[in-house]
Amino acid sequence: MELPAVNLKAILLVHWLLTTWGCIVFQGPYAWTNFPILALGVWAVAQRDSVDAISMFLGGLVATIFLDVIYIGIFYPRSNFSDTVRFSAGMAILNLILKPISCFFVYHMYRERGGELLVQVGSLGPSEERSSYQPIDSSEVPADPESKAHVTRGY
């Protein structure tokens, strides 16, 4: 499946705008976590071939998904719903909804820049790959492992 071409600058612009509007209500920790991650995104735009820049931006986006859920849950205003408060909270929630989609596109940019898959799903089960382990105490391998012939080894 061919992914649509999404520019990293467009992702940064959308998240910067939504974060700025979200900071009207959610000040403090919300701004302190989101704006440095956007700065990592600017670094990823400036160094187009850097795997480190895009991987740091991707990791930061993933981290801010969890942090935004906590911040919005704790600091969501319980009363005094003016139009400005509703708008700002809505933009912060929209920013949170768009972050997993942005992570998907940034991950594909990471792969295009030469990044490797960080988590392998098959590594949790039994390994089908044989190890190159060879015992060092004997260079002879018995022809029949079931045989009861005892091989004496001098140590």
C-alpha atoms as a PDB file:
ATOM      1  CA  MET A   1       0.000   0.000   0.000  1.00  0.00           C
ATOM      2  CA  GLU A   2       1.431   3.327  -1.052  1.00  0.00           C
ATOM      3  CA  LEU A   3       1.380   5.990   1.643  1.00  0.00           C
ATOM      4  CA  PRO A   4       0.437   9.540   0.751  1.00  0.00           C
ATOM      5  CA  ALA A   5       3.356  11.932   0.706  1.00  0.00           C
ATOM      6  CA  VAL A   6       3.162  13.908   3.933  1.00  0.00           C
ATOM      7  CA  ASN A   7       5.726  16.579   4.527  1.00  0.00           C
ATOM      8  CA  LEU A   8       7.393  16.720   7.937  1.00  0.00           C
ATOM      9  CA  LYS A   9       7.015  20.497   7.870  1.00  0.00           C
ATOM     10  CA  ALA A  10       3.235  20.127   7.546  1.00  0.00           C
ATOM     11  CA  ILE A  11       3.144  17.750  10.531  1.00  0.00           C
ATOM     12  CA  LEU A  12       5.170  20.233  12.582  1.00  0.00           C
ATOM     13  CA  LEU A  13       2.998  23.166  11.550  1.00  0.00           C
ATOM     14  CA  VAL A  14      -0.235  21.389  12.502  1.00  0.00           C
ATOM     15  CA  HIS A  15       1.088  20.247  15.880  1.00  0.00           C
ATOM     16  CA  TRP A  16       2.629  23.646  16.630  1.00  0.00           C
ATOM     17  CA  LEU A  17      -0.644  25.410  15.876  1.00  0.00           C
ATOM     18  CA  LEU A  18      -2.737  22.971  17.914  1.00  0.00           C
ATOM     19  CA  THR A  19      -0.255  23.031  20.810  1.00  0.00           C
ATOM     20  CA  THR A  20      -0.250  26.829  20.833  1.00  0.00           C
ATOM     21  CA  TRP A  21      -4.046  26.904  20.958  1.00  0.00           C
ATOM     22  CA  GLY A  22      -4.074  24.176  23.603  1.00  0.00           C
ATOM     23  CA  CYS A  23      -1.729  26.205  25.792  1.00  0.00           C
ATOM     24  CA  ILE A  24      -4.445  28.824  26.339  1.00  0.00           C
ATOM     25  CA  VAL A  25      -5.944  26.529  28.995  1.00  0.00           C
ATOM     26  CA  PHE A  26      -3.297  23.867  29.593  1.00  0.00           C
ATOM     27  CA  GLN A  27      -0.307  25.944  30.575  1.00  0.00           C
ATOM     28  CA  GLY A  28       2.831  24.801  32.350  1.00  0.00           C
ATOM     29  CA  PRO A  29       3.635  21.108  31.892  1.00  0.00           C
ATOM     30  CA  TYR A  30       1.618  20.796  28.667  1.00  0.00           C
ATOM     31  CA  ALA A  31       3.730  23.473  26.998  1.00  0.00           C
ATOM     32  CA  TRP A  32       6.995  22.297  28.590  1.00  0.00           C
ATOM     33  CA  THR A  33       6.605  18.810  27.135  1.00  0.00           C
ATOM     34  CA  ASN A  34       5.189  19.618  23.711  1.00  0.00           C
ATOM     35  CA  PHE A  35       7.344  22.519  22.542  1.00  0.00           C
ATOM     36  CA  PRO A  36      10.737  20.787  23.069  1.00  0.00           C
ATOM     37  CA  ILE A  37       9.439  17.813  21.059  1.00  0.00           C
ATOM     38  CA  LEU A  38       8.466  20.202  18.289  1.00  0.00           C
ATOM     39  CA  ALA A  39      12.018  21.582  18.475  1.00  0.00           C
ATOM     40  CA  LEU A  40      13.256  18.023  17.843  1.00  0.00           C
ATOM     41  CA  GLY A  41      10.993  18.025  14.798  1.00  0.00           C
ATOM     42  CA  VAL A  42      12.646  21.210  13.558  1.00  0.00           C
ATOM     43  CA  TRP A  43      15.990  19.444  13.991  1.00  0.00           C
ATOM     44  CA  ALA A  44      14.649  16.529  11.921  1.00  0.00           C
ATOM     45  CA  VAL A  45      13.629  18.961   9.170  1.00  0.00           C
ATOM     46  CA  ALA A  46      17.006  20.713   9.232  1.00  0.00           C
ATOM     47  CA  GLN A  47      19.000  17.474   8.969  1.00  0.00           C
ATOM     48  CA  ARG A  48      17.164  15.506   6.326  1.00  0.00           C
ATOM     49  CA  ASP A  49      19.508  12.499   6.411  1.00  0.00           C
ATOM     50  CA  SER A  50      19.807  12.167  10.177  1.00  0.00           C
ATOM     51  CA  VAL A  51      18.298   9.010  11.614  1.00  0.00           C
ATOM     52  CA  ASP A  52      18.962  10.297  15.135  1.00  0.00           C
ATOM     53  CA  ALA A  53      16.901  13.450  14.649  1.00  0.00           C
ATOM     54  CA  ILE A  54      13.847  11.667  13.276  1.00  0.00           C
ATOM     55  CA  SER A  55      14.073   8.870  15.858  1.00  0.00           C
ATOM     56  CA  MET A  56      14.240  11.387  18.718  1.00  0.00           C
ATOM     57  CA  PHE A  57      11.241  13.217  17.280  1.00  0.00           C
ATOM     58  CA  LEU A  58       9.329   9.938  16.931  1.00  0.00           C
ATOM     59  CA  GLY A  59      10.147   8.892  20.483  1.00  0.00           C
ATOM     60  CA  GLY A  60       9.130  12.291  21.763  1.00  0.00           C
ATOM     61  CA  LEU A  61       5.806  12.145  19.951  1.00  0.00           C
ATOM     62  CA  VAL A  62       5.074   8.743  21.457  1.00  0.00           C
ATOM     63  CA  ALA A  63       5.979  10.011  24.931  1.00  0.00           C
ATOM     64  CA  THR A  64       3.784  13.106  24.594  1.00  0.00           C
ATOM     65  CA  ILE A  65       0.785  10.952  23.692  1.00  0.00           C
ATOM     66  CA  PHE A  66       0.888   9.422  27.165  1.00  0.00           C
ATOM     67  CA  LEU A  67       1.786  12.690  28.874  1.00  0.00           C
ATOM     68  CA  ASP A  68      -0.995  14.612  27.121  1.00  0.00           C
ATOM     69  CA  VAL A  69      -3.571  12.077  28.297  1.00  0.00           C
ATOM     70  CA  ILE A  70      -2.388  12.637  31.866  1.00  0.00           C
ATOM     71  CA  TYR A  71      -2.241  16.435  31.585  1.00  0.00           C
ATOM     72  CA  ILE A  72      -5.629  16.782  29.934  1.00  0.00           C
ATOM     73  CA  GLY A  73      -7.139  14.389  32.478  1.00  0.00           C
ATOM     74  CA  ILE A  74      -5.712  16.280  35.445  1.00  0.00           C
ATOM     75  CA  PHE A  75      -5.985  19.893  34.288  1.00  0.00           C
ATOM     76  CA  TYR A  76      -9.226  19.741  32.295  1.00  0.00           C
ATOM     77  CA  PRO A  77     -11.412  22.549  33.652  1.00  0.00           C
ATOM     78  CA  ARG A  78     -14.377  21.231  35.633  1.00  0.00           C
ATOM     79  CA  SER A  79     -16.346  24.464  35.503  1.00  0.00           C
ATOM     80  CA  ASN A  80     -16.275  27.882  33.847  1.00  0.00           C
ATOM     81  CA  PHE A  81     -16.716  26.691  30.273  1.00  0.00           C
ATOM     82  CA  SER A  82     -16.287  29.861  28.300  1.00  0.00           C
ATOM     83  CA  ASP A  83     -15.905  29.698  24.547  1.00  0.00           C
ATOM     84  CA  THR A  84     -12.153  30.206  24.846  1.00  0.00           C
ATOM     85  CA  VAL A  85     -11.789  27.335  27.309  1.00  0.00           C
ATOM     86  CA  ARG A  86     -13.831  24.989  25.130  1.00  0.00           C
ATOM     87  CA  PHE A  87     -11.861  25.979  22.041  1.00  0.00           C
ATOM     88  CA  SER A  88      -8.495  25.508  23.736  1.00  0.00           C
ATOM     89  CA  ALA A  89      -9.460  22.163  25.277  1.00  0.00           C
ATOM     90  CA  GLY A  90     -10.836  21.008  21.928  1.00  0.00           C
ATOM     91  CA  MET A  91      -7.591  21.902  20.150  1.00  0.00           C
ATOM     92  CA  ALA A  92      -5.533  20.062  22.780  1.00  0.00           C
ATOM     93  CA  ILE A  93      -7.743  16.985  22.379  1.00  0.00           C
ATOM     94  CA  LEU A  94      -7.531  17.227  18.568  1.00  0.00           C
ATOM     95  CA  ASN A  95      -3.743  17.465  18.897  1.00  0.00           C
ATOM     96  CA  LEU A  96      -3.817  14.289  20.984  1.00  0.00           C
ATOM     97  CA  ILE A  97      -6.010  12.490  18.437  1.00  0.00           C
ATOM     98  CA  LEU A  98      -3.713  13.426  15.540  1.00  0.00           C
ATOM     99  CA  LYS A  99      -0.476  12.365  17.268  1.00  0.00           C
ATOM    100  CA  PRO A 100      -0.778   8.597  16.582  1.00  0.00           C
ATOM    101  CA  ILE A 101      -1.398   9.357  12.889  1.00  0.00           C
ATOM    102  CA  SER A 102       1.643  11.636  12.883  1.00  0.00           C
ATOM    103  CA  CYS A 103       3.669   8.893  14.586  1.00  0.00           C
ATOM    104  CA  PHE A 104       2.705   6.533  11.772  1.00  0.00           C
ATOM    105  CA  PHE A 105       3.943   8.939   9.092  1.00  0.00           C
ATOM    106  CA  VAL A 106       7.077   9.893  11.032  1.00  0.00           C
ATOM    107  CA  TYR A 107       7.870   6.192  11.526  1.00  0.00           C
ATOM    108  CA  HIS A 108       7.770   5.673   7.767  1.00  0.00           C
ATOM    109  CA  MET A 109      10.056   8.679   7.312  1.00  0.00           C
ATOM    110  CA  TYR A 110      12.370   7.082   9.873  1.00  0.00           C
ATOM    111  CA  ARG A 111      12.422   3.865   7.839  1.00  0.00           C
ATOM    112  CA  GLU A 112      13.098   5.822   4.628  1.00  0.00           C
ATOM    113  CA  ARG A 113      16.109   7.480   6.267  1.00  0.00           C
ATOM    114  CA  GLY A 114      17.599   4.104   7.061  1.00  0.00           C
ATOM    115  CA  GLY A 115      16.278   3.429  10.525  1.00  0.00           C
ATOM    116  CA  GLU A 116      15.789  -0.160  11.600  1.00  0.00           C
ATOM    117  CA  LEU A 117      12.774  -1.775  13.157  1.00  0.00           C
ATOM    118  CA  LEU A 118      13.156  -1.326  16.898  1.00  0.00           C
ATOM    119  CA  VAL A 119      10.882  -4.132  18.084  1.00  0.00           C
ATOM    120  CA  GLN A 120      10.725  -7.504  16.416  1.00  0.00           C
ATOM    121  CA  VAL A 121       7.491  -9.339  17.063  1.00  0.00           C
ATOM    122  CA  GLY A 122       9.005 -12.791  16.522  1.00  0.00           C
ATOM    123  CA  SER A 123      11.597 -12.320  19.249  1.00  0.00           C
ATOM    124  CA  LEU A 124       9.086 -13.203  21.949  1.00  0.00           C
ATOM    125  CA  GLY A 125       8.562 -16.788  20.818  1.00  0.00           C
ATOM    126  CA  PRO A 126      10.975 -19.670  20.359  1.00  0.00           C
ATOM    127  CA  SER A 127      13.819 -18.976  18.012  1.00  0.00           C
ATOM    128  CA  GLU A 128      13.997 -20.882  14.764  1.00  0.00           C
ATOM    129  CA  GLU A 129      17.509 -19.707  14.088  1.00  0.00           C
ATOM    130  CA  ARG A 130      20.290 -22.059  15.172  1.00  0.00           C
ATOM    131  CA  SER A 131      23.021 -20.723  17.330  1.00  0.00           C
ATOM    132  CA  SER A 132      26.623 -20.910  16.242  1.00  0.00           C
ATOM    133  CA  TYR A 133      27.603 -22.246  19.660  1.00  0.00           C
ATOM    134  CA  GLN A 134      30.141 -25.038  19.604  1.00  0.00           C
ATOM    135  CA  PRO A 135      31.514 -26.724  22.707  1.00  0.00           C
ATOM    136  CA  ILE A 136      35.187 -26.015  23.235  1.00  0.00           C
ATOM    137  CA  ASP A 137      36.034 -29.028  25.366  1.00  0.00           C
ATOM    138  CA  SER A 138      36.000 -31.545  22.527  1.00  0.00           C
ATOM    139  CA  SER A 139      36.575 -31.186  18.836  1.00  0.00           C
ATOM    140  CA  GLU A 140      35.046 -34.605  18.188  1.00  0.00           C
ATOM    141  CA  VAL A 141      31.335 -34.945  17.824  1.00  0.00           C
ATOM    142  CA  PRO A 142      29.936 -38.436  18.444  1.00  0.00           C
ATOM    143  CA  ALA A 143      28.366 -39.898  15.333  1.00  0.00           C
ATOM    144  CA  ASP A 144      25.442 -41.258  17.282  1.00  0.00           C
ATOM    145  CA  PRO A 145      24.303 -39.056  20.157  1.00  0.00           C
ATOM    146  CA  GLU A 146      22.169 -41.943  21.471  1.00  0.00           C
ATOM    147  CA  SER A 147      25.123 -44.269  21.823  1.00  0.00           C
ATOM    148  CA  LYS A 148      26.152 -45.226  25.332  1.00  0.00           C
ATOM    149  CA  ALA A 149      29.830 -45.362  24.557  1.00  0.00           C
ATOM    150  CA  HIS A 150      31.681 -43.271  27.061  1.00  0.00           C
ATOM    151  CA  VAL A 151      34.349 -40.969  25.723  1.00  0.00           C
ATOM    152  CA  THR A 152      37.095 -40.261  28.216  1.00  0.00           C
ATOM    153  CA  ARG A 153      38.380 -36.756  28.253  1.00  0.00           C
ATOM    154  CA  GLY A 154      41.521 -35.648  29.977  1.00  0.00           C
ATOM    155  CA  TYR A 155      41.208 -32.437  31.860  1.00  0.00           C
END
